[in-house]
Amino acid sequence: MTTAEFIVCELMGCGQMDIESCFGKMDDDILVNAISRCKDEFGTTDMGAIWQIAIEDAANDVFGDYELVEPQFNYMASDVAFVGDPDEIEDFEAKAEEFANLTGFDLQY
């Protein structure tokens, strides 16, 4: 484990595998923004809160006003589901792929 990984794990109160499974494929900008927002707006570095904000930010970037189900989260498994009718969204599959690229999680629909 690198020093940076150790520090992140200590600050978030989790293990390296937790960090890798939740954030290992996430876009750096989405993750950094989520960490900053959590710290500034909520005064926390809770891993679950950071993950949820990152997912919501990515969804807003890709889908705009469309909502996602509140993500189900634990430190070893995550699920993100789209709420609504995918047929009503132009290029939904391409947007779902973009979301997956930003977050590292396939969008369930």
PDB file of N, CA and C in Angstrom:
ATOM      1  N   MET A   1       0.858  -1.167   0.000  1.00  0.00           N
ATOM      2  CA  MET A   1       0.000   0.000   0.000  1.00  0.00           C
ATOM      3  C   MET A   1       0.910   1.238   0.000  1.00  0.00           C
ATOM      4  N   THR A   2       0.592   2.169  -0.876  1.00  0.00           N
ATOM      5  CA  THR A   2       1.359   3.412  -0.920  1.00  0.00           C
ATOM      6  C   THR A   2       0.989   4.290   0.264  1.00  0.00           C
ATOM      7  N   THR A   3       1.809   5.282   0.513  1.00  0.00           N
ATOM      8  CA  THR A   3       1.525   6.221   1.601  1.00  0.00           C
ATOM      9  C   THR A   3       0.202   6.943   1.361  1.00  0.00           C
ATOM     10  N   ALA A   4      -0.041   7.356   0.115  1.00  0.00           N
ATOM     11  CA  ALA A   4      -1.292   8.047  -0.212  1.00  0.00           C
ATOM     12  C   ALA A   4      -2.497   7.144   0.034  1.00  0.00           C
ATOM     13  N   GLU A   5      -2.401   5.881  -0.388  1.00  0.00           N
ATOM     14  CA  GLU A   5      -3.511   4.947  -0.155  1.00  0.00           C
ATOM     15  C   GLU A   5      -3.733   4.746   1.338  1.00  0.00           C
ATOM     16  N   PHE A   6      -2.650   4.633   2.086  1.00  0.00           N
ATOM     17  CA  PHE A   6      -2.759   4.462   3.529  1.00  0.00           C
ATOM     18  C   PHE A   6      -3.472   5.651   4.163  1.00  0.00           C
ATOM     19  N   ILE A   7      -3.094   6.859   3.775  1.00  0.00           N
ATOM     20  CA  ILE A   7      -3.713   8.068   4.325  1.00  0.00           C
ATOM     21  C   ILE A   7      -5.199   8.121   3.995  1.00  0.00           C
ATOM     22  N   VAL A   8      -5.540   7.829   2.741  1.00  0.00           N
ATOM     23  CA  VAL A   8      -6.952   7.833   2.334  1.00  0.00           C
ATOM     24  C   VAL A   8      -7.734   6.802   3.135  1.00  0.00           C
ATOM     25  N   CYS A   9      -7.195   5.617   3.281  1.00  0.00           N
ATOM     26  CA  CYS A   9      -7.883   4.567   4.041  1.00  0.00           C
ATOM     27  C   CYS A   9      -8.072   4.973   5.497  1.00  0.00           C
ATOM     28  N   GLU A  10      -7.065   5.599   6.077  1.00  0.00           N
ATOM     29  CA  GLU A  10      -7.173   6.049   7.464  1.00  0.00           C
ATOM     30  C   GLU A  10      -8.223   7.148   7.608  1.00  0.00           C
ATOM     31  N   LEU A  11      -8.228   8.107   6.688  1.00  0.00           N
ATOM     32  CA  LEU A  11      -9.192   9.200   6.753  1.00  0.00           C
ATOM     33  C   LEU A  11     -10.620   8.710   6.560  1.00  0.00           C
ATOM     34  N   MET A  12     -10.790   7.733   5.698  1.00  0.00           N
ATOM     35  CA  MET A  12     -12.138   7.237   5.411  1.00  0.00           C
ATOM     36  C   MET A  12     -12.534   6.074   6.319  1.00  0.00           C
ATOM     37  N   GLY A  13     -11.602   5.568   7.081  1.00  0.00           N
ATOM     38  CA  GLY A  13     -11.922   4.476   7.993  1.00  0.00           C
ATOM     39  C   GLY A  13     -12.287   3.192   7.273  1.00  0.00           C
ATOM     40  N   CYS A  14     -11.524   2.862   6.241  1.00  0.00           N
ATOM     41  CA  CYS A  14     -11.815   1.655   5.471  1.00  0.00           C
ATOM     42  C   CYS A  14     -10.513   1.024   5.010  1.00  0.00           C
ATOM     43  N   GLY A  15     -10.616  -0.100   4.342  1.00  0.00           N
ATOM     44  CA  GLY A  15      -9.448  -0.802   3.846  1.00  0.00           C
ATOM     45  C   GLY A  15      -9.165  -0.502   2.383  1.00  0.00           C
ATOM     46  N   GLN A  16      -7.977  -0.913   1.939  1.00  0.00           N
ATOM     47  CA  GLN A  16      -7.560  -0.663   0.558  1.00  0.00           C
ATOM     48  C   GLN A  16      -8.506  -1.330  -0.440  1.00  0.00           C
ATOM     49  N   MET A  17      -8.977  -2.524  -0.137  1.00  0.00           N
ATOM     50  CA  MET A  17      -9.894  -3.213  -1.048  1.00  0.00           C
ATOM     51  C   MET A  17     -11.216  -2.455  -1.170  1.00  0.00           C
ATOM     52  N   ASP A  18     -11.656  -1.832  -0.077  1.00  0.00           N
ATOM     53  CA  ASP A  18     -12.877  -1.027  -0.115  1.00  0.00           C
ATOM     54  C   ASP A  18     -12.698   0.154  -1.061  1.00  0.00           C
ATOM     55  N   ILE A  19     -11.583   0.833  -0.945  1.00  0.00           N
ATOM     56  CA  ILE A  19     -11.297   1.990  -1.799  1.00  0.00           C
ATOM     57  C   ILE A  19     -11.246   1.550  -3.255  1.00  0.00           C
ATOM     58  N   GLU A  20     -10.546   0.460  -3.506  1.00  0.00           N
ATOM     59  CA  GLU A  20     -10.381  -0.006  -4.886  1.00  0.00           C
ATOM     60  C   GLU A  20     -11.725  -0.423  -5.493  1.00  0.00           C
ATOM     61  N   SER A  21     -12.555  -1.141  -4.718  1.00  0.00           N
ATOM     62  CA  SER A  21     -13.824  -1.620  -5.279  1.00  0.00           C
ATOM     63  C   SER A  21     -14.814  -0.484  -5.524  1.00  0.00           C
ATOM     64  N   CYS A  22     -14.763   0.563  -4.729  1.00  0.00           N
ATOM     65  CA  CYS A  22     -15.717   1.658  -4.873  1.00  0.00           C
ATOM     66  C   CYS A  22     -15.220   2.789  -5.768  1.00  0.00           C
ATOM     67  N   PHE A  23     -13.933   3.059  -5.743  1.00  0.00           N
ATOM     68  CA  PHE A  23     -13.413   4.232  -6.445  1.00  0.00           C
ATOM     69  C   PHE A  23     -12.337   3.919  -7.470  1.00  0.00           C
ATOM     70  N   GLY A  24     -11.947   2.656  -7.588  1.00  0.00           N
ATOM     71  CA  GLY A  24     -10.834   2.280  -8.446  1.00  0.00           C
ATOM     72  C   GLY A  24     -11.019   2.589  -9.918  1.00  0.00           C
ATOM     73  N   LYS A  25     -12.253   2.597 -10.399  1.00  0.00           N
ATOM     74  CA  LYS A  25     -12.518   2.872 -11.813  1.00  0.00           C
ATOM     75  C   LYS A  25     -13.212   4.206 -12.025  1.00  0.00           C
ATOM     76  N   MET A  26     -13.352   4.971 -10.959  1.00  0.00           N
ATOM     77  CA  MET A  26     -14.077   6.237 -11.036  1.00  0.00           C
ATOM     78  C   MET A  26     -13.190   7.327 -11.637  1.00  0.00           C
ATOM     79  N   ASP A  27     -13.807   8.207 -12.402  1.00  0.00           N
ATOM     80  CA  ASP A  27     -13.119   9.351 -12.979  1.00  0.00           C
ATOM     81  C   ASP A  27     -12.542  10.222 -11.862  1.00  0.00           C
ATOM     82  N   ASP A  28     -11.288  10.617 -12.015  1.00  0.00           N
ATOM     83  CA  ASP A  28     -10.612  11.397 -10.972  1.00  0.00           C
ATOM     84  C   ASP A  28     -11.342  12.696 -10.643  1.00  0.00           C
ATOM     85  N   ASP A  29     -11.807  13.414 -11.660  1.00  0.00           N
ATOM     86  CA  ASP A  29     -12.479  14.693 -11.417  1.00  0.00           C
ATOM     87  C   ASP A  29     -13.767  14.507 -10.622  1.00  0.00           C
ATOM     88  N   ILE A  30     -14.531  13.473 -10.951  1.00  0.00           N
ATOM     89  CA  ILE A  30     -15.773  13.187 -10.215  1.00  0.00           C
ATOM     90  C   ILE A  30     -15.446  12.881  -8.757  1.00  0.00           C
ATOM     91  N   LEU A  31     -14.432  12.064  -8.534  1.00  0.00           N
ATOM     92  CA  LEU A  31     -14.057  11.673  -7.177  1.00  0.00           C
ATOM     93  C   LEU A  31     -13.534  12.863  -6.367  1.00  0.00           C
ATOM     94  N   VAL A  32     -12.634  13.632  -6.933  1.00  0.00           N
ATOM     95  CA  VAL A  32     -12.067  14.785  -6.219  1.00  0.00           C
ATOM     96  C   VAL A  32     -13.162  15.789  -5.868  1.00  0.00           C
ATOM     97  N   ASN A  33     -14.078  16.040  -6.807  1.00  0.00           N
ATOM     98  CA  ASN A  33     -15.178  16.957  -6.545  1.00  0.00           C
ATOM     99  C   ASN A  33     -16.077  16.432  -5.418  1.00  0.00           C
ATOM    100  N   ALA A  34     -16.351  15.130  -5.429  1.00  0.00           N
ATOM    101  CA  ALA A  34     -17.197  14.543  -4.388  1.00  0.00           C
ATOM    102  C   ALA A  34     -16.535  14.639  -3.017  1.00  0.00           C
ATOM    103  N   ILE A  35     -15.235  14.402  -2.956  1.00  0.00           N
ATOM    104  CA  ILE A  35     -14.520  14.514  -1.682  1.00  0.00           C
ATOM    105  C   ILE A  35     -14.571  15.959  -1.185  1.00  0.00           C
ATOM    106  N   SER A  36     -14.327  16.902  -2.071  1.00  0.00           N
ATOM    107  CA  SER A  36     -14.368  18.319  -1.692  1.00  0.00           C
ATOM    108  C   SER A  36     -15.745  18.729  -1.199  1.00  0.00           C
ATOM    109  N   ARG A  37     -16.787  18.309  -1.922  1.00  0.00           N
ATOM    110  CA  ARG A  37     -18.155  18.657  -1.512  1.00  0.00           C
ATOM    111  C   ARG A  37     -18.491  18.054  -0.161  1.00  0.00           C
ATOM    112  N   CYS A  38     -18.117  16.800   0.044  1.00  0.00           N
ATOM    113  CA  CYS A  38     -18.411  16.149   1.326  1.00  0.00           C
ATOM    114  C   CYS A  38     -17.740  16.893   2.465  1.00  0.00           C
ATOM    115  N   LYS A  39     -16.502  17.233   2.260  1.00  0.00           N
ATOM    116  CA  LYS A  39     -15.738  17.928   3.295  1.00  0.00           C
ATOM    117  C   LYS A  39     -16.296  19.323   3.547  1.00  0.00           C
ATOM    118  N   ASP A  40     -16.544  20.077   2.474  1.00  0.00           N
ATOM    119  CA  ASP A  40     -16.989  21.463   2.603  1.00  0.00           C
ATOM    120  C   ASP A  40     -18.446  21.592   3.048  1.00  0.00           C
ATOM    121  N   GLU A  41     -19.332  20.793   2.458  1.00  0.00           N
ATOM    122  CA  GLU A  41     -20.762  20.949   2.717  1.00  0.00           C
ATOM    123  C   GLU A  41     -21.254  20.148   3.915  1.00  0.00           C
ATOM    124  N   PHE A  42     -20.606  19.016   4.191  1.00  0.00           N
ATOM    125  CA  PHE A  42     -21.113  18.134   5.242  1.00  0.00           C
ATOM    126  C   PHE A  42     -20.105  17.875   6.353  1.00  0.00           C
ATOM    127  N   GLY A  43     -18.879  18.357   6.181  1.00  0.00           N
ATOM    128  CA  GLY A  43     -17.855  18.174   7.208  1.00  0.00           C
ATOM    129  C   GLY A  43     -17.492  16.730   7.457  1.00  0.00           C
ATOM    130  N   THR A  44     -17.519  15.915   6.414  1.00  0.00           N
ATOM    131  CA  THR A  44     -17.235  14.494   6.584  1.00  0.00           C
ATOM    132  C   THR A  44     -16.360  13.969   5.454  1.00  0.00           C
ATOM    133  N   THR A  45     -15.679  12.878   5.746  1.00  0.00           N
ATOM    134  CA  THR A  45     -14.953  12.138   4.710  1.00  0.00           C
ATOM    135  C   THR A  45     -15.469  10.699   4.685  1.00  0.00           C
ATOM    136  N   ASP A  46     -16.721  10.525   5.057  1.00  0.00           N
ATOM    137  CA  ASP A  46     -17.343   9.204   5.067  1.00  0.00           C
ATOM    138  C   ASP A  46     -17.359   8.629   3.661  1.00  0.00           C
ATOM    139  N   MET A  47     -16.865   7.425   3.524  1.00  0.00           N
ATOM    140  CA  MET A  47     -16.750   6.781   2.225  1.00  0.00           C
ATOM    141  C   MET A  47     -18.099   6.656   1.524  1.00  0.00           C
ATOM    142  N   GLY A  48     -19.125   6.268   2.253  1.00  0.00           N
ATOM    143  CA  GLY A  48     -20.454   6.118   1.661  1.00  0.00           C
ATOM    144  C   GLY A  48     -21.012   7.431   1.145  1.00  0.00           C
ATOM    145  N   ALA A  49     -20.802   8.500   1.901  1.00  0.00           N
ATOM    146  CA  ALA A  49     -21.281   9.823   1.473  1.00  0.00           C
ATOM    147  C   ALA A  49     -20.534  10.293   0.230  1.00  0.00           C
ATOM    148  N   ILE A  50     -19.232  10.098   0.213  1.00  0.00           N
ATOM    149  CA  ILE A  50     -18.431  10.485  -0.956  1.00  0.00           C
ATOM    150  C   ILE A  50     -18.888   9.714  -2.178  1.00  0.00           C
ATOM    151  N   TRP A  51     -19.096   8.414  -2.012  1.00  0.00           N
ATOM    152  CA  TRP A  51     -19.528   7.579  -3.133  1.00  0.00           C
ATOM    153  C   TRP A  51     -20.880   8.047  -3.656  1.00  0.00           C
ATOM    154  N   GLN A  52     -21.811   8.300  -2.762  1.00  0.00           N
ATOM    155  CA  GLN A  52     -23.148   8.716  -3.182  1.00  0.00           C
ATOM    156  C   GLN A  52     -23.108  10.054  -3.920  1.00  0.00           C
ATOM    157  N   ILE A  53     -22.348  11.012  -3.409  1.00  0.00           N
ATOM    158  CA  ILE A  53     -22.241  12.304  -4.087  1.00  0.00           C
ATOM    159  C   ILE A  53     -21.600  12.138  -5.451  1.00  0.00           C
ATOM    160  N   ALA A  54     -20.581  11.303  -5.553  1.00  0.00           N
ATOM    161  CA  ALA A  54     -19.937  11.060  -6.848  1.00  0.00           C
ATOM    162  C   ALA A  54     -20.924  10.467  -7.846  1.00  0.00           C
ATOM    163  N   ILE A  55     -21.729   9.518  -7.402  1.00  0.00           N
ATOM    164  CA  ILE A  55     -22.735   8.891  -8.274  1.00  0.00           C
ATOM    165  C   ILE A  55     -23.766   9.930  -8.710  1.00  0.00           C
ATOM    166  N   GLU A  56     -24.258  10.729  -7.770  1.00  0.00           N
ATOM    167  CA  GLU A  56     -25.256  11.744  -8.100  1.00  0.00           C
ATOM    168  C   GLU A  56     -24.688  12.800  -9.045  1.00  0.00           C
ATOM    169  N   ASP A  57     -23.442  13.208  -8.831  1.00  0.00           N
ATOM    170  CA  ASP A  57     -22.820  14.195  -9.718  1.00  0.00           C
ATOM    171  C   ASP A  57     -22.669  13.644 -11.130  1.00  0.00           C
ATOM    172  N   ALA A  58     -22.236  12.404 -11.238  1.00  0.00           N
ATOM    173  CA  ALA A  58     -22.090  11.780 -12.559  1.00  0.00           C
ATOM    174  C   ALA A  58     -23.448  11.676 -13.246  1.00  0.00           C
ATOM    175  N   ALA A  59     -24.483  11.303 -12.498  1.00  0.00           N
ATOM    176  CA  ALA A  59     -25.828  11.194 -13.065  1.00  0.00           C
ATOM    177  C   ALA A  59     -26.306  12.552 -13.573  1.00  0.00           C
ATOM    178  N   ASN A  60     -26.073  13.600 -12.789  1.00  0.00           N
ATOM    179  CA  ASN A  60     -26.481  14.937 -13.225  1.00  0.00           C
ATOM    180  C   ASN A  60     -25.713  15.381 -14.456  1.00  0.00           C
ATOM    181  N   ASP A  61     -24.421  15.066 -14.508  1.00  0.00           N
ATOM    182  CA  ASP A  61     -23.611  15.424 -15.677  1.00  0.00           C
ATOM    183  C   ASP A  61     -24.117  14.742 -16.941  1.00  0.00           C
ATOM    184  N   VAL A  62     -24.503  13.490 -16.811  1.00  0.00           N
ATOM    185  CA  VAL A  62     -24.884  12.692 -17.983  1.00  0.00           C
ATOM    186  C   VAL A  62     -26.355  12.844 -18.335  1.00  0.00           C
ATOM    187  N   PHE A  63     -27.241  12.788 -17.335  1.00  0.00           N
ATOM    188  CA  PHE A  63     -28.676  12.734 -17.594  1.00  0.00           C
ATOM    189  C   PHE A  63     -29.425  14.023 -17.292  1.00  0.00           C
ATOM    190  N   GLY A  64     -28.809  14.975 -16.642  1.00  0.00           N
ATOM    191  CA  GLY A  64     -29.505  16.213 -16.317  1.00  0.00           C
ATOM    192  C   GLY A  64     -30.542  16.010 -15.232  1.00  0.00           C
ATOM    193  N   ASP A  65     -31.813  16.280 -15.548  1.00  0.00           N
ATOM    194  CA  ASP A  65     -32.885  16.255 -14.554  1.00  0.00           C
ATOM    195  C   ASP A  65     -33.390  14.861 -14.196  1.00  0.00           C
ATOM    196  N   TYR A  66     -32.968  13.843 -14.914  1.00  0.00           N
ATOM    197  CA  TYR A  66     -33.463  12.502 -14.613  1.00  0.00           C
ATOM    198  C   TYR A  66     -32.869  11.997 -13.313  1.00  0.00           C
ATOM    199  N   GLU A  67     -33.673  11.259 -12.552  1.00  0.00           N
ATOM    200  CA  GLU A  67     -33.260  10.792 -11.233  1.00  0.00           C
ATOM    201  C   GLU A  67     -32.734   9.370 -11.280  1.00  0.00           C
ATOM    202  N   LEU A  68     -31.879   9.064 -10.325  1.00  0.00           N
ATOM    203  CA  LEU A  68     -31.445   7.696 -10.066  1.00  0.00           C
ATOM    204  C   LEU A  68     -32.067   7.253  -8.763  1.00  0.00           C
ATOM    205  N   VAL A  69     -32.312   5.953  -8.634  1.00  0.00           N
ATOM    206  CA  VAL A  69     -32.717   5.416  -7.347  1.00  0.00           C
ATOM    207  C   VAL A  69     -31.586   5.718  -6.381  1.00  0.00           C
ATOM    208  N   GLU A  70     -31.924   6.014  -5.127  1.00  0.00           N
ATOM    209  CA  GLU A  70     -30.848   6.227  -4.165  1.00  0.00           C
ATOM    210  C   GLU A  70     -29.992   4.973  -4.172  1.00  0.00           C
ATOM    211  N   PRO A  71     -28.710   5.118  -4.436  1.00  0.00           N
ATOM    212  CA  PRO A  71     -27.854   3.944  -4.591  1.00  0.00           C
ATOM    213  C   PRO A  71     -27.809   3.095  -3.332  1.00  0.00           C
ATOM    214  N   GLN A  72     -27.831   1.805  -3.521  1.00  0.00           N
ATOM    215  CA  GLN A  72     -27.631   0.874  -2.414  1.00  0.00           C
ATOM    216  C   GLN A  72     -26.138   0.714  -2.242  1.00  0.00           C
ATOM    217  N   PHE A  73     -25.649   0.791  -1.027  1.00  0.00           N
ATOM    218  CA  PHE A  73     -24.212   0.816  -0.828  1.00  0.00           C
ATOM    219  C   PHE A  73     -23.786   0.021   0.389  1.00  0.00           C
ATOM    220  N   ASN A  74     -22.783  -0.765   0.224  1.00  0.00           N
ATOM    221  CA  ASN A  74     -21.999  -1.252   1.350  1.00  0.00           C
ATOM    222  C   ASN A  74     -20.563  -1.310   0.862  1.00  0.00           C
ATOM    223  N   TYR A  75     -19.659  -1.598   1.724  1.00  0.00           N
ATOM    224  CA  TYR A  75     -18.260  -1.445   1.355  1.00  0.00           C
ATOM    225  C   TYR A  75     -17.745  -2.497   0.370  1.00  0.00           C
ATOM    226  N   MET A  76     -18.548  -3.458   0.001  1.00  0.00           N
ATOM    227  CA  MET A  76     -18.077  -4.449  -0.954  1.00  0.00           C
ATOM    228  C   MET A  76     -18.977  -4.585  -2.184  1.00  0.00           C
ATOM    229  N   ALA A  77     -20.140  -3.953  -2.187  1.00  0.00           N
ATOM    230  CA  ALA A  77     -21.034  -4.086  -3.339  1.00  0.00           C
ATOM    231  C   ALA A  77     -21.863  -2.818  -3.486  1.00  0.00           C
ATOM    232  N   SER A  78     -22.099  -2.463  -4.724  1.00  0.00           N
ATOM    233  CA  SER A  78     -22.879  -1.261  -4.986  1.00  0.00           C
ATOM    234  C   SER A  78     -23.808  -1.517  -6.147  1.00  0.00           C
ATOM    235  N   ASP A  79     -24.906  -0.772  -6.172  1.00  0.00           N
ATOM    236  CA  ASP A  79     -25.886  -0.931  -7.224  1.00  0.00           C
ATOM    237  C   ASP A  79     -26.463   0.444  -7.516  1.00  0.00           C
ATOM    238  N   VAL A  80     -26.522   0.791  -8.781  1.00  0.00           N
ATOM    239  CA  VAL A  80     -27.097   2.063  -9.172  1.00  0.00           C
ATOM    240  C   VAL A  80     -28.149   1.771 -10.230  1.00  0.00           C
ATOM    241  N   ALA A  81     -29.377   2.211  -9.986  1.00  0.00           N
ATOM    242  CA  ALA A  81     -30.469   1.919 -10.908  1.00  0.00           C
ATOM    243  C   ALA A  81     -31.102   3.204 -11.419  1.00  0.00           C
ATOM    244  N   PHE A  82     -31.474   3.207 -12.676  1.00  0.00           N
ATOM    245  CA  PHE A  82     -32.138   4.344 -13.296  1.00  0.00           C
ATOM    246  C   PHE A  82     -33.627   4.298 -12.994  1.00  0.00           C
ATOM    247  N   VAL A  83     -34.196   5.453 -12.635  1.00  0.00           N
ATOM    248  CA  VAL A  83     -35.631   5.556 -12.393  1.00  0.00           C
ATOM    249  C   VAL A  83     -36.232   6.267 -13.598  1.00  0.00           C
ATOM    250  N   GLY A  84     -37.210   5.664 -14.174  1.00  0.00           N
ATOM    251  CA  GLY A  84     -37.854   6.272 -15.329  1.00  0.00           C
ATOM    252  C   GLY A  84     -37.841   5.322 -16.511  1.00  0.00           C
ATOM    253  N   ASP A  85     -38.276   5.827 -17.640  1.00  0.00           N
ATOM    254  CA  ASP A  85     -38.365   5.031 -18.857  1.00  0.00           C
ATOM    255  C   ASP A  85     -37.174   5.356 -19.756  1.00  0.00           C
ATOM    256  N   PRO A  86     -36.247   4.409 -19.914  1.00  0.00           N
ATOM    257  CA  PRO A  86     -35.083   4.658 -20.766  1.00  0.00           C
ATOM    258  C   PRO A  86     -35.457   5.033 -22.203  1.00  0.00           C
ATOM    259  N   ASP A  87     -36.625   4.579 -22.662  1.00  0.00           N
ATOM    260  CA  ASP A  87     -37.055   4.878 -24.030  1.00  0.00           C
ATOM    261  C   ASP A  87     -37.371   6.358 -24.223  1.00  0.00           C
ATOM    262  N   GLU A  88     -37.602   7.080 -23.138  1.00  0.00           N
ATOM    263  CA  GLU A  88     -37.912   8.506 -23.224  1.00  0.00           C
ATOM    264  C   GLU A  88     -36.664   9.383 -23.343  1.00  0.00           C
ATOM    265  N   ILE A  89     -35.487   8.765 -23.228  1.00  0.00           N
ATOM    266  CA  ILE A  89     -34.238   9.527 -23.247  1.00  0.00           C
ATOM    267  C   ILE A  89     -33.476   9.220 -24.525  1.00  0.00           C
ATOM    268  N   GLU A  90     -33.192  10.262 -25.265  1.00  0.00           N
ATOM    269  CA  GLU A  90     -32.440  10.117 -26.506  1.00  0.00           C
ATOM    270  C   GLU A  90     -31.046   9.565 -26.193  1.00  0.00           C
ATOM    271  N   ASP A  91     -30.636   8.546 -26.943  1.00  0.00           N
ATOM    272  CA  ASP A  91     -29.311   7.918 -26.792  1.00  0.00           C
ATOM    273  C   ASP A  91     -29.072   7.398 -25.381  1.00  0.00           C
ATOM    274  N   PHE A  92     -30.092   6.775 -24.793  1.00  0.00           N
ATOM    275  CA  PHE A  92     -29.976   6.313 -23.410  1.00  0.00           C
ATOM    276  C   PHE A  92     -28.803   5.365 -23.221  1.00  0.00           C
ATOM    277  N   GLU A  93     -28.647   4.409 -24.121  1.00  0.00           N
ATOM    278  CA  GLU A  93     -27.576   3.424 -23.952  1.00  0.00           C
ATOM    279  C   GLU A  93     -26.197   4.082 -23.979  1.00  0.00           C
ATOM    280  N   ALA A  94     -26.009   5.067 -24.839  1.00  0.00           N
ATOM    281  CA  ALA A  94     -24.731   5.786 -24.892  1.00  0.00           C
ATOM    282  C   ALA A  94     -24.512   6.562 -23.590  1.00  0.00           C
ATOM    283  N   LYS A  95     -25.573   7.146 -23.055  1.00  0.00           N
ATOM    284  CA  LYS A  95     -25.469   7.886 -21.801  1.00  0.00           C
ATOM    285  C   LYS A  95     -25.196   6.942 -20.633  1.00  0.00           C
ATOM    286  N   ALA A  96     -25.825   5.773 -20.652  1.00  0.00           N
ATOM    287  CA  ALA A  96     -25.570   4.782 -19.602  1.00  0.00           C
ATOM    288  C   ALA A  96     -24.107   4.329 -19.652  1.00  0.00           C
ATOM    289  N   GLU A  97     -23.567   4.202 -20.847  1.00  0.00           N
ATOM    290  CA  GLU A  97     -22.159   3.828 -20.996  1.00  0.00           C
ATOM    291  C   GLU A  97     -21.240   4.950 -20.493  1.00  0.00           C
ATOM    292  N   GLU A  98     -21.599   6.193 -20.790  1.00  0.00           N
ATOM    293  CA  GLU A  98     -20.827   7.335 -20.301  1.00  0.00           C
ATOM    294  C   GLU A  98     -20.845   7.375 -18.771  1.00  0.00           C
ATOM    295  N   PHE A  99     -22.006   7.104 -18.182  1.00  0.00           N
ATOM    296  CA  PHE A  99     -22.131   7.047 -16.731  1.00  0.00           C
ATOM    297  C   PHE A  99     -21.205   5.972 -16.166  1.00  0.00           C
ATOM    298  N   ALA A 100     -21.200   4.804 -16.786  1.00  0.00           N
ATOM    299  CA  ALA A 100     -20.325   3.713 -16.342  1.00  0.00           C
ATOM    300  C   ALA A 100     -18.854   4.099 -16.446  1.00  0.00           C
ATOM    301  N   ASN A 101     -18.505   4.825 -17.493  1.00  0.00           N
ATOM    302  CA  ASN A 101     -17.123   5.258 -17.651  1.00  0.00           C
ATOM    303  C   ASN A 101     -16.721   6.257 -16.568  1.00  0.00           C
ATOM    304  N   LEU A 102     -17.644   7.125 -16.172  1.00  0.00           N
ATOM    305  CA  LEU A 102     -17.357   8.119 -15.130  1.00  0.00           C
ATOM    306  C   LEU A 102     -17.259   7.507 -13.734  1.00  0.00           C
ATOM    307  N   THR A 103     -18.106   6.514 -13.475  1.00  0.00           N
ATOM    308  CA  THR A 103     -18.220   5.993 -12.113  1.00  0.00           C
ATOM    309  C   THR A 103     -17.566   4.636 -11.896  1.00  0.00           C
ATOM    310  N   GLY A 104     -17.446   3.856 -12.973  1.00  0.00           N
ATOM    311  CA  GLY A 104     -16.956   2.488 -12.826  1.00  0.00           C
ATOM    312  C   GLY A 104     -18.066   1.506 -12.491  1.00  0.00           C
ATOM    313  N   PHE A 105     -19.321   1.969 -12.524  1.00  0.00           N
ATOM    314  CA  PHE A 105     -20.468   1.115 -12.187  1.00  0.00           C
ATOM    315  C   PHE A 105     -21.475   1.117 -13.323  1.00  0.00           C
ATOM    316  N   ASP A 106     -21.889  -0.076 -13.732  1.00  0.00           N
ATOM    317  CA  ASP A 106     -22.918  -0.187 -14.755  1.00  0.00           C
ATOM    318  C   ASP A 106     -24.249   0.294 -14.180  1.00  0.00           C
ATOM    319  N   LEU A 107     -24.994   1.004 -15.007  1.00  0.00           N
ATOM    320  CA  LEU A 107     -26.294   1.510 -14.603  1.00  0.00           C
ATOM    321  C   LEU A 107     -27.337   0.425 -14.857  1.00  0.00           C
ATOM    322  N   GLN A 108     -28.100   0.083 -13.831  1.00  0.00           N
ATOM    323  CA  GLN A 108     -29.158  -0.925 -13.953  1.00  0.00           C
ATOM    324  C   GLN A 108     -30.435  -0.244 -14.430  1.00  0.00           C
ATOM    325  N   TYR A 109     -31.113  -0.853 -15.379  1.00  0.00           N
ATOM    326  CA  TYR A 109     -32.383  -0.306 -15.855  1.00  0.00           C
ATOM    327  C   TYR A 109     -33.238  -1.389 -16.438  1.00  0.00           C
TER     328      TYR A 109
END
